[in-house]
Amino acid sequence: MRLNDNEKKVLDILTKDPYVNQQYIADQLALSRPAVANLISGLQEKGYILGKPYMLKKEEYITCVGGANLDYTFRLDEDMILGTSNPVSSSTSYGGVVRNVAENLARLNHHISLMTVVGDDLAGDDLIRHSKKLMEVFASDKIKHQTTGGYYSIIGKDGNMNVGYADMSINAHMDRSWILEHKRHLSLSSWIVADTNLSKDALEALIEFSNNEDIKLAIIGVSGPKMKHVPEDLKGVEIIICNLDETQSYFNTNIDDVNELINLWINKGVHKAIITCGKNGCIYADGSKISEHKAILVSDDLVVDVTGAGDAFSSAVIHGLIKSESLDQSVKYGVMSSSMTIQSKYSVNPNLSIKNIKKELKKYENI
């Protein structure tokens, strides 16, 4: 149906923020609130608005739920010496596992919604402003009297992290109640991608929701200590992606046989599982089928920063699965995306695209 000018203007406002009230729209358009109510009613009758909050009829989101923060990186000029001042070059970038995954997926041409929490501060404003350029952010919340999460890493001359510090207390607000408050939004998702910055009861709520709504759920590990947030019951989870240390932490074991460990994930009821092992590649399982894949090694002189490599891997794997590719092919996308990212100074490679991933993969036809 054709829309008049005012209806188009209302839709434009609601596309940017479905949670605005009618008075706000009226003020923006210099109309009365009853006039806006009539416009919204007409749009609902025409099928352009699905309900309140004003969820618009459009393609489904890949909703990424979890941590978003600023990364403060300090690159050592020389080898680190403890107990004294070390000369560094510093930079600030946008980070957080799920935020990185969201940006990677957006660059892989997916319609992304970021669902996270930031502080009532300049860092939070900056993070949301940047994210808006690539994804929807109306499900992200600003928490008063809280500080936006910060991740501080010291990078050695070889490009590897010497030490890292995380100030993530704000993530405690991402609990079960927070998830339930966003159920209306989550119902618009074709996939949900969550990291372990969420509380345990929040992840439990997401698993319940995804099973009830038949929405595929991916869980991505953040660190060994945060594996305590992963629930006992994982039945129905489409895929879990963790590294070796995170897997050992979850199962409270020193077992280092990745074949044995990958079976532990499958026995928990997840459909697919991947254990990444850095330069040693990864092992993955699709049901009872277990496979492994070598990493694409990059010479030391080409390694700029390994930060974000795991997030790039997870994003490209999930991209493949969303596009109904096999897990084998999806893992190939992942290892290439990871290789491309460590050669960039950014935690999300700005040149990332599925076209570039496929182009680079052609150089490794035998992988």
Foldseek 3Di string as FASTA:
>chain_A
DDDDPLLVLVVVVCVQALQDDLVVSCVVVVHDSVVSVVSVVVCVVVQQFPDPSGDGPDAFAAEEEAAKAKEKEWEFPADDDPPDDTDTDIDIDIDDLSLLLQQLLLQQPGAHEYAEEAEPDPRRVVNVVVSSVRYHDNNYYYDYPDHGKYKYFYAYPLQETPDIDIDLPVLQVQACVSLVVCLVSVLRHQEYEYELSHALRNVVNVQVSCVVSVHAYEYEYDDQVSLVSHDQQNAPHAEYEEEQSNLCSNVVHPDPPVVVSQVVVVVSHHQKYKYAHPQQFIWIDRRPDIDTDGADDDDSVQFNHQQLLQSQLVSQLVVCVVVVHDSVVSNLLSRLSSVVCRSDNDSHPPPDYVVVSVVVCVVVVPD
